[in-house]
Amino acid sequence: MNTTAYGQTHQGLVRSNNEDFFIINDQKSLFLLADGMGGHNAGEVASKGACRLYDTDFDPDASDLPSHMSEVFKRTNERIFKQAGNEPELQNMGATFIVCHISNSSAHILHAGDVRCYHFRNGKLKQVTDDHSLVGELLKQGELTEKEARQHPLKNRVTKAVGPRETIDPDYNKVELRAGDIILLCCDGLWNMVDNNNICAVLKTDGTAQDKAGELINRALQAGGEDNITVLLIQIL
């Protein structure tokens, strides 16, 4: 299945640096996005490390893709965890992390944290992933509305990420694809600022993946740009 992809990241209007990172590897049909956490430059180290380690170790010809993807994810986590333990300035570093691989007519998705995957088809937007966060759990249980979740004081408290713990069990999702579909990977700097209706409105417009990614970034900035903002769009041709 042919795809065209484009990613864009912005520091935002409040943060002093950008700890997000993404990789598009067209040869492997592999798309990676990480949102770093930690003091000093530790979050930046974790996000870049997660993406680069995964990109290097991933084999698109693996016979059992879900198992292989999970193994690489866990191995990446172990290496980030060990690096943090060996370098005092990187202590407690981590990153929320999402991986997408397109194979035949399917998107295989693994993630940890509150980075998200959306699937857009025929004018409708569906959130594929669940947030690994305290607020995400309350939302899933019906104890908060979407609006309340966006304004909750603990909205940034994640319960799962690459690096802070020696072991990790990422969530796996699979999406069957058709021509015209769009897969959107993004960090909380986008979806905290731009609600699903506005995201959907942008994806409905004509234009390239680059046009749509740029408009999503602009809308997050117009809403306040309180965090780093990263979006990665994959259009199915």
C-alpha atoms as a PDB file:
ATOM      1  CA  MET A   1       0.000   0.000   0.000  1.00  0.00           C
ATOM      2  CA  ASN A   2       1.469   3.334  -1.075  1.00  0.00           C
ATOM      3  CA  THR A   3       1.684   6.155   1.446  1.00  0.00           C
ATOM      4  CA  THR A   4       2.876   9.714   1.689  1.00  0.00           C
ATOM      5  CA  ALA A   5       3.883  11.083   5.063  1.00  0.00           C
ATOM      6  CA  TYR A   6       4.903  14.378   6.586  1.00  0.00           C
ATOM      7  CA  GLY A   7       5.888  15.361  10.114  1.00  0.00           C
ATOM      8  CA  GLN A   8       6.294  18.729  11.763  1.00  0.00           C
ATOM      9  CA  THR A   9       7.301  19.837  15.257  1.00  0.00           C
ATOM     10  CA  HIS A  10       7.238  23.191  17.046  1.00  0.00           C
ATOM     11  CA  GLN A  11       8.623  24.314  20.384  1.00  0.00           C
ATOM     12  CA  GLY A  12       5.368  26.013  21.282  1.00  0.00           C
ATOM     13  CA  LEU A  13       4.947  29.403  22.937  1.00  0.00           C
ATOM     14  CA  VAL A  14       5.801  28.536  26.544  1.00  0.00           C
ATOM     15  CA  ARG A  15       8.558  25.907  26.685  1.00  0.00           C
ATOM     16  CA  SER A  16      12.212  26.935  26.401  1.00  0.00           C
ATOM     17  CA  ASN A  17      13.193  23.879  24.337  1.00  0.00           C
ATOM     18  CA  ASN A  18      11.628  21.108  22.255  1.00  0.00           C
ATOM     19  CA  GLU A  19      11.791  17.604  23.731  1.00  0.00           C
ATOM     20  CA  ASP A  20       9.669  15.991  21.001  1.00  0.00           C
ATOM     21  CA  PHE A  21      11.212  13.932  18.205  1.00  0.00           C
ATOM     22  CA  PHE A  22       9.944  11.948  15.223  1.00  0.00           C
ATOM     23  CA  ILE A  23      11.264   9.760  12.426  1.00  0.00           C
ATOM     24  CA  ILE A  24       9.732   8.887   9.051  1.00  0.00           C
ATOM     25  CA  ASN A  25      11.409   5.864   7.476  1.00  0.00           C
ATOM     26  CA  ASP A  26       9.728   5.338   4.125  1.00  0.00           C
ATOM     27  CA  GLN A  27      11.887   2.320   3.255  1.00  0.00           C
ATOM     28  CA  LYS A  28      10.581   0.443   6.294  1.00  0.00           C
ATOM     29  CA  SER A  29       7.110   2.075   6.249  1.00  0.00           C
ATOM     30  CA  LEU A  30       7.913   2.972   9.844  1.00  0.00           C
ATOM     31  CA  PHE A  31       6.711   6.112  11.626  1.00  0.00           C
ATOM     32  CA  LEU A  32       7.876   7.051  15.117  1.00  0.00           C
ATOM     33  CA  LEU A  33       6.998   9.896  17.508  1.00  0.00           C
ATOM     34  CA  ALA A  34       8.206  10.515  21.066  1.00  0.00           C
ATOM     35  CA  ASP A  35       7.520  13.197  23.674  1.00  0.00           C
ATOM     36  CA  GLY A  36      10.388  13.503  26.174  1.00  0.00           C
ATOM     37  CA  MET A  37      10.138  13.855  29.954  1.00  0.00           C
ATOM     38  CA  GLY A  38      12.791  14.733  32.512  1.00  0.00           C
ATOM     39  CA  GLY A  39      14.904  17.594  33.816  1.00  0.00           C
ATOM     40  CA  HIS A  40      17.542  19.558  31.861  1.00  0.00           C
ATOM     41  CA  ASN A  41      17.982  17.875  28.454  1.00  0.00           C
ATOM     42  CA  ALA A  42      17.023  14.404  29.657  1.00  0.00           C
ATOM     43  CA  GLY A  43      13.643  14.390  27.919  1.00  0.00           C
ATOM     44  CA  GLU A  44      15.236  15.299  24.622  1.00  0.00           C
ATOM     45  CA  VAL A  45      17.789  12.507  25.041  1.00  0.00           C
ATOM     46  CA  ALA A  46      15.043   9.980  25.810  1.00  0.00           C
ATOM     47  CA  SER A  47      12.812  10.928  22.868  1.00  0.00           C
ATOM     48  CA  LYS A  48      15.648  10.921  20.322  1.00  0.00           C
ATOM     49  CA  GLY A  49      17.071   7.715  21.763  1.00  0.00           C
ATOM     50  CA  ALA A  50      13.738   5.891  21.669  1.00  0.00           C
ATOM     51  CA  CYS A  51      13.087   6.795  18.023  1.00  0.00           C
ATOM     52  CA  ARG A  52      16.595   6.068  16.792  1.00  0.00           C
ATOM     53  CA  LEU A  53      17.009   2.781  18.669  1.00  0.00           C
ATOM     54  CA  TYR A  54      13.654   1.499  17.461  1.00  0.00           C
ATOM     55  CA  ASP A  55      14.307   2.578  13.887  1.00  0.00           C
ATOM     56  CA  THR A  56      17.641   0.724  13.867  1.00  0.00           C
ATOM     57  CA  ASP A  57      16.353  -2.521  15.386  1.00  0.00           C
ATOM     58  CA  PHE A  58      13.053  -2.833  13.533  1.00  0.00           C
ATOM     59  CA  ASP A  59      12.863  -5.414  10.740  1.00  0.00           C
ATOM     60  CA  PRO A  60       9.861  -4.925   8.413  1.00  0.00           C
ATOM     61  CA  ASP A  61      10.311  -8.488   7.103  1.00  0.00           C
ATOM     62  CA  ALA A  62       9.748 -10.118  10.506  1.00  0.00           C
ATOM     63  CA  SER A  63       7.414 -13.119  10.222  1.00  0.00           C
ATOM     64  CA  ASP A  64       5.297 -12.135  13.245  1.00  0.00           C
ATOM     65  CA  LEU A  65       5.064  -8.340  13.118  1.00  0.00           C
ATOM     66  CA  PRO A  66       3.128  -7.707  16.365  1.00  0.00           C
ATOM     67  CA  SER A  67       5.532  -9.866  18.388  1.00  0.00           C
ATOM     68  CA  HIS A  68       8.603  -8.373  16.725  1.00  0.00           C
ATOM     69  CA  MET A  69       7.352  -4.822  17.223  1.00  0.00           C
ATOM     70  CA  SER A  70       6.682  -5.514  20.902  1.00  0.00           C
ATOM     71  CA  GLU A  71      10.109  -7.086  21.401  1.00  0.00           C
ATOM     72  CA  VAL A  72      11.850  -4.086  19.833  1.00  0.00           C
ATOM     73  CA  PHE A  73       9.734  -1.731  21.961  1.00  0.00           C
ATOM     74  CA  LYS A  74      10.694  -3.553  25.163  1.00  0.00           C
ATOM     75  CA  ARG A  75      14.356  -3.691  24.165  1.00  0.00           C
ATOM     76  CA  THR A  76      14.311   0.039  23.436  1.00  0.00           C
ATOM     77  CA  ASN A  77      12.841   0.675  26.882  1.00  0.00           C
ATOM     78  CA  GLU A  78      15.529  -1.411  28.588  1.00  0.00           C
ATOM     79  CA  ARG A  79      18.315   0.518  26.862  1.00  0.00           C
ATOM     80  CA  ILE A  80      16.841   3.933  27.743  1.00  0.00           C
ATOM     81  CA  PHE A  81      16.388   2.749  31.346  1.00  0.00           C
ATOM     82  CA  LYS A  82      20.006   1.571  31.582  1.00  0.00           C
ATOM     83  CA  GLN A  83      21.332   4.785  30.058  1.00  0.00           C
ATOM     84  CA  ALA A  84      19.424   6.812  32.649  1.00  0.00           C
ATOM     85  CA  GLY A  85      20.904   4.677  35.440  1.00  0.00           C
ATOM     86  CA  ASN A  86      24.460   5.087  34.155  1.00  0.00           C
ATOM     87  CA  GLU A  87      24.412   8.862  33.681  1.00  0.00           C
ATOM     88  CA  PRO A  88      23.353  10.914  36.765  1.00  0.00           C
ATOM     89  CA  GLU A  89      22.259  13.921  34.687  1.00  0.00           C
ATOM     90  CA  LEU A  90      19.777  11.673  32.855  1.00  0.00           C
ATOM     91  CA  GLN A  91      18.219  10.136  35.971  1.00  0.00           C
ATOM     92  CA  ASN A  92      14.458   9.514  35.685  1.00  0.00           C
ATOM     93  CA  MET A  93      14.371  10.470  32.009  1.00  0.00           C
ATOM     94  CA  GLY A  94      11.671   8.993  29.820  1.00  0.00           C
ATOM     95  CA  ALA A  95       9.431   9.556  26.834  1.00  0.00           C
ATOM     96  CA  THR A  96       5.918   8.775  25.804  1.00  0.00           C
ATOM     97  CA  PHE A  97       6.356   6.877  22.561  1.00  0.00           C
ATOM     98  CA  ILE A  98       4.271   5.686  19.617  1.00  0.00           C
ATOM     99  CA  VAL A  99       5.231   3.411  16.731  1.00  0.00           C
ATOM    100  CA  CYS A 100       3.286   2.830  13.500  1.00  0.00           C
ATOM    101  CA  HIS A 101       4.201   0.372  10.762  1.00  0.00           C
ATOM    102  CA  ILE A 102       2.197   0.062   7.548  1.00  0.00           C
ATOM    103  CA  SER A 103       2.184  -3.454   6.107  1.00  0.00           C
ATOM    104  CA  ASN A 104      -0.034  -4.490   3.194  1.00  0.00           C
ATOM    105  CA  SER A 105      -3.387  -2.922   4.095  1.00  0.00           C
ATOM    106  CA  SER A 106      -2.901  -2.599   7.859  1.00  0.00           C
ATOM    107  CA  ALA A 107      -1.416  -0.129  10.317  1.00  0.00           C
ATOM    108  CA  HIS A 108       0.256  -1.825  13.295  1.00  0.00           C
ATOM    109  CA  ILE A 109       0.482   0.561  16.246  1.00  0.00           C
ATOM    110  CA  LEU A 110       2.284   0.287  19.598  1.00  0.00           C
ATOM    111  CA  HIS A 111       2.376   3.022  22.215  1.00  0.00           C
ATOM    112  CA  ALA A 112       3.117   3.955  25.792  1.00  0.00           C
ATOM    113  CA  GLY A 113       1.846   7.160  27.386  1.00  0.00           C
ATOM    114  CA  ASP A 114      -0.474   9.882  26.128  1.00  0.00           C
ATOM    115  CA  VAL A 115       0.840  10.219  22.585  1.00  0.00           C
ATOM    116  CA  ARG A 116      -2.081   9.399  20.312  1.00  0.00           C
ATOM    117  CA  CYS A 117      -3.019   7.761  17.046  1.00  0.00           C
ATOM    118  CA  TYR A 118      -6.130   8.876  15.155  1.00  0.00           C
ATOM    119  CA  HIS A 119      -7.699   7.238  12.110  1.00  0.00           C
ATOM    120  CA  PHE A 120      -9.529   9.500   9.649  1.00  0.00           C
ATOM    121  CA  ARG A 121     -11.878   8.069   7.005  1.00  0.00           C
ATOM    122  CA  ASN A 122     -14.742   9.566   4.996  1.00  0.00           C
ATOM    123  CA  GLY A 123     -14.900  12.729   7.067  1.00  0.00           C
ATOM    124  CA  LYS A 124     -14.909  10.934  10.428  1.00  0.00           C
ATOM    125  CA  LEU A 125     -12.149  10.873  13.055  1.00  0.00           C
ATOM    126  CA  LYS A 126     -11.591   7.995  15.478  1.00  0.00           C
ATOM    127  CA  GLN A 127      -9.088   7.884  18.324  1.00  0.00           C
ATOM    128  CA  VAL A 128      -7.289   4.537  18.085  1.00  0.00           C
ATOM    129  CA  THR A 129      -5.163   4.615  21.236  1.00  0.00           C
ATOM    130  CA  ASP A 130      -6.049   5.028  24.913  1.00  0.00           C
ATOM    131  CA  ASP A 131      -4.042   7.485  27.022  1.00  0.00           C
ATOM    132  CA  HIS A 132      -1.847   5.916  29.681  1.00  0.00           C
ATOM    133  CA  SER A 133      -2.451   8.644  32.248  1.00  0.00           C
ATOM    134  CA  LEU A 134      -4.372   9.243  35.466  1.00  0.00           C
ATOM    135  CA  VAL A 135      -6.843  11.486  33.668  1.00  0.00           C
ATOM    136  CA  GLY A 136      -7.061   9.011  30.794  1.00  0.00           C
ATOM    137  CA  GLU A 137      -8.170   6.290  33.188  1.00  0.00           C
ATOM    138  CA  LEU A 138     -10.831   8.564  34.712  1.00  0.00           C
ATOM    139  CA  LEU A 139     -12.063   9.470  31.243  1.00  0.00           C
ATOM    140  CA  LYS A 140     -12.220   5.815  30.230  1.00  0.00           C
ATOM    141  CA  GLN A 141     -14.267   5.025  33.352  1.00  0.00           C
ATOM    142  CA  GLY A 142     -16.718   7.809  32.564  1.00  0.00           C
ATOM    143  CA  GLU A 143     -15.785   9.894  35.601  1.00  0.00           C
ATOM    144  CA  LEU A 144     -14.656  12.866  33.496  1.00  0.00           C
ATOM    145  CA  THR A 145     -15.875  14.501  30.312  1.00  0.00           C
ATOM    146  CA  GLU A 146     -13.461  15.398  27.484  1.00  0.00           C
ATOM    147  CA  LYS A 147     -13.686  19.064  28.492  1.00  0.00           C
ATOM    148  CA  GLU A 148     -13.019  18.284  32.162  1.00  0.00           C
ATOM    149  CA  ALA A 149     -10.075  16.073  31.200  1.00  0.00           C
ATOM    150  CA  ARG A 150      -8.435  18.899  29.222  1.00  0.00           C
ATOM    151  CA  GLN A 151      -8.656  21.214  32.248  1.00  0.00           C
ATOM    152  CA  HIS A 152      -7.717  18.687  34.939  1.00  0.00           C
ATOM    153  CA  PRO A 153      -4.652  19.694  37.053  1.00  0.00           C
ATOM    154  CA  LEU A 154      -3.155  16.186  36.657  1.00  0.00           C
ATOM    155  CA  LYS A 155      -3.706  15.924  32.897  1.00  0.00           C
ATOM    156  CA  ASN A 156       0.042  15.544  32.259  1.00  0.00           C
ATOM    157  CA  ARG A 157       0.611  12.738  34.810  1.00  0.00           C
ATOM    158  CA  VAL A 158       1.325   9.679  32.659  1.00  0.00           C
ATOM    159  CA  THR A 159       1.258   6.123  33.993  1.00  0.00           C
ATOM    160  CA  LYS A 160       3.392   4.509  31.288  1.00  0.00           C
ATOM    161  CA  ALA A 161       6.431   5.695  29.325  1.00  0.00           C
ATOM    162  CA  VAL A 162       9.694   4.448  27.837  1.00  0.00           C
ATOM    163  CA  GLY A 163      12.603   4.715  30.276  1.00  0.00           C
ATOM    164  CA  PRO A 164      11.386   5.237  33.855  1.00  0.00           C
ATOM    165  CA  ARG A 165      10.951   1.504  34.574  1.00  0.00           C
ATOM    166  CA  GLU A 166      13.037  -1.488  33.533  1.00  0.00           C
ATOM    167  CA  THR A 167      10.101  -3.321  31.954  1.00  0.00           C
ATOM    168  CA  ILE A 168       7.175  -2.117  29.896  1.00  0.00           C
ATOM    169  CA  ASP A 169       4.070  -3.598  28.301  1.00  0.00           C
ATOM    170  CA  PRO A 170       2.962  -1.367  25.411  1.00  0.00           C
ATOM    171  CA  ASP A 171      -0.549  -1.392  23.971  1.00  0.00           C
ATOM    172  CA  TYR A 172      -1.008  -2.841  20.483  1.00  0.00           C
ATOM    173  CA  ASN A 173      -3.669  -1.745  17.999  1.00  0.00           C
ATOM    174  CA  LYS A 174      -4.309  -2.696  14.398  1.00  0.00           C
ATOM    175  CA  VAL A 175      -6.206  -0.592  11.859  1.00  0.00           C
ATOM    176  CA  GLU A 176      -7.365  -1.900   8.488  1.00  0.00           C
ATOM    177  CA  LEU A 177      -6.713   0.730   5.850  1.00  0.00           C
ATOM    178  CA  ARG A 178      -8.324   1.888   2.616  1.00  0.00           C
ATOM    179  CA  ALA A 179      -7.242   4.338  -0.037  1.00  0.00           C
ATOM    180  CA  GLY A 180      -7.958   7.867   1.155  1.00  0.00           C
ATOM    181  CA  ASP A 181      -7.475   7.122   4.855  1.00  0.00           C
ATOM    182  CA  ILE A 182      -5.223   9.249   7.050  1.00  0.00           C
ATOM    183  CA  ILE A 183      -3.311   8.108  10.124  1.00  0.00           C
ATOM    184  CA  LEU A 184      -2.389  10.928  12.513  1.00  0.00           C
ATOM    185  CA  LEU A 185       0.241  10.491  15.235  1.00  0.00           C
ATOM    186  CA  CYS A 186       0.566  13.363  17.698  1.00  0.00           C
ATOM    187  CA  CYS A 187       1.695  14.378  21.154  1.00  0.00           C
ATOM    188  CA  ASP A 188      -0.437  15.981  23.865  1.00  0.00           C
ATOM    189  CA  GLY A 189       0.793  19.402  22.752  1.00  0.00           C
ATOM    190  CA  LEU A 190      -1.656  19.069  19.875  1.00  0.00           C
ATOM    191  CA  TRP A 191      -4.680  17.328  21.341  1.00  0.00           C
ATOM    192  CA  ASN A 192      -4.621  19.331  24.598  1.00  0.00           C
ATOM    193  CA  MET A 193      -4.907  22.514  22.533  1.00  0.00           C
ATOM    194  CA  VAL A 194      -7.049  21.360  19.584  1.00  0.00           C
ATOM    195  CA  ASP A 195     -10.161  19.257  20.138  1.00  0.00           C
ATOM    196  CA  ASN A 196     -11.237  16.356  17.941  1.00  0.00           C
ATOM    197  CA  ASN A 197     -13.769  18.427  15.993  1.00  0.00           C
ATOM    198  CA  ASN A 198     -11.087  20.903  14.946  1.00  0.00           C
ATOM    199  CA  ILE A 199      -8.606  18.150  14.114  1.00  0.00           C
ATOM    200  CA  CYS A 200     -11.273  16.523  11.948  1.00  0.00           C
ATOM    201  CA  ALA A 201     -12.047  19.832  10.233  1.00  0.00           C
ATOM    202  CA  VAL A 202      -8.394  20.232   9.221  1.00  0.00           C
ATOM    203  CA  LEU A 203      -8.110  16.675   7.913  1.00  0.00           C
ATOM    204  CA  LYS A 204     -11.247  17.175   5.802  1.00  0.00           C
ATOM    205  CA  THR A 205      -9.651  20.004   3.840  1.00  0.00           C
ATOM    206  CA  ASP A 206      -8.006  19.580   0.460  1.00  0.00           C
ATOM    207  CA  GLY A 207      -4.252  19.798   0.378  1.00  0.00           C
ATOM    208  CA  THR A 208      -1.105  17.851   1.078  1.00  0.00           C
ATOM    209  CA  ALA A 209      -0.037  16.169   4.284  1.00  0.00           C
ATOM    210  CA  GLN A 210       2.333  19.108   4.743  1.00  0.00           C
ATOM    211  CA  ASP A 211      -0.533  21.609   4.434  1.00  0.00           C
ATOM    212  CA  LYS A 212      -2.634  19.778   7.012  1.00  0.00           C
ATOM    213  CA  ALA A 213       0.221  19.261   9.462  1.00  0.00           C
ATOM    214  CA  GLY A 214       1.080  22.949   9.276  1.00  0.00           C
ATOM    215  CA  GLU A 215      -2.526  23.958   9.922  1.00  0.00           C
ATOM    216  CA  LEU A 216      -2.771  21.637  12.947  1.00  0.00           C
ATOM    217  CA  ILE A 217       0.391  23.204  14.399  1.00  0.00           C
ATOM    218  CA  ASN A 218      -1.010  26.692  13.744  1.00  0.00           C
ATOM    219  CA  ARG A 219      -4.266  25.905  15.525  1.00  0.00           C
ATOM    220  CA  ALA A 220      -2.392  24.583  18.566  1.00  0.00           C
ATOM    221  CA  LEU A 221      -0.332  27.779  18.653  1.00  0.00           C
ATOM    222  CA  GLN A 222      -3.432  29.953  18.298  1.00  0.00           C
ATOM    223  CA  ALA A 223      -4.951  28.122  21.267  1.00  0.00           C
ATOM    224  CA  GLY A 224      -1.958  28.990  23.450  1.00  0.00           C
ATOM    225  CA  GLY A 225       0.853  26.629  22.433  1.00  0.00           C
ATOM    226  CA  GLU A 226       1.425  25.581  26.044  1.00  0.00           C
ATOM    227  CA  ASP A 227       3.635  22.601  25.176  1.00  0.00           C
ATOM    228  CA  ASN A 228       5.834  21.277  22.396  1.00  0.00           C
ATOM    229  CA  ILE A 229       3.643  20.341  19.415  1.00  0.00           C
ATOM    230  CA  THR A 230       4.403  17.450  17.053  1.00  0.00           C
ATOM    231  CA  VAL A 231       2.221  15.906  14.366  1.00  0.00           C
ATOM    232  CA  LEU A 232       2.928  13.149  11.853  1.00  0.00           C
ATOM    233  CA  LEU A 233       0.437  12.523   9.055  1.00  0.00           C
ATOM    234  CA  ILE A 234       0.347   9.377   6.928  1.00  0.00           C
ATOM    235  CA  GLN A 235      -1.936   9.517   3.892  1.00  0.00           C
ATOM    236  CA  ILE A 236      -2.944   6.251   2.227  1.00  0.00           C
ATOM    237  CA  LEU A 237      -2.867   6.634  -1.548  1.00  0.00           C
END
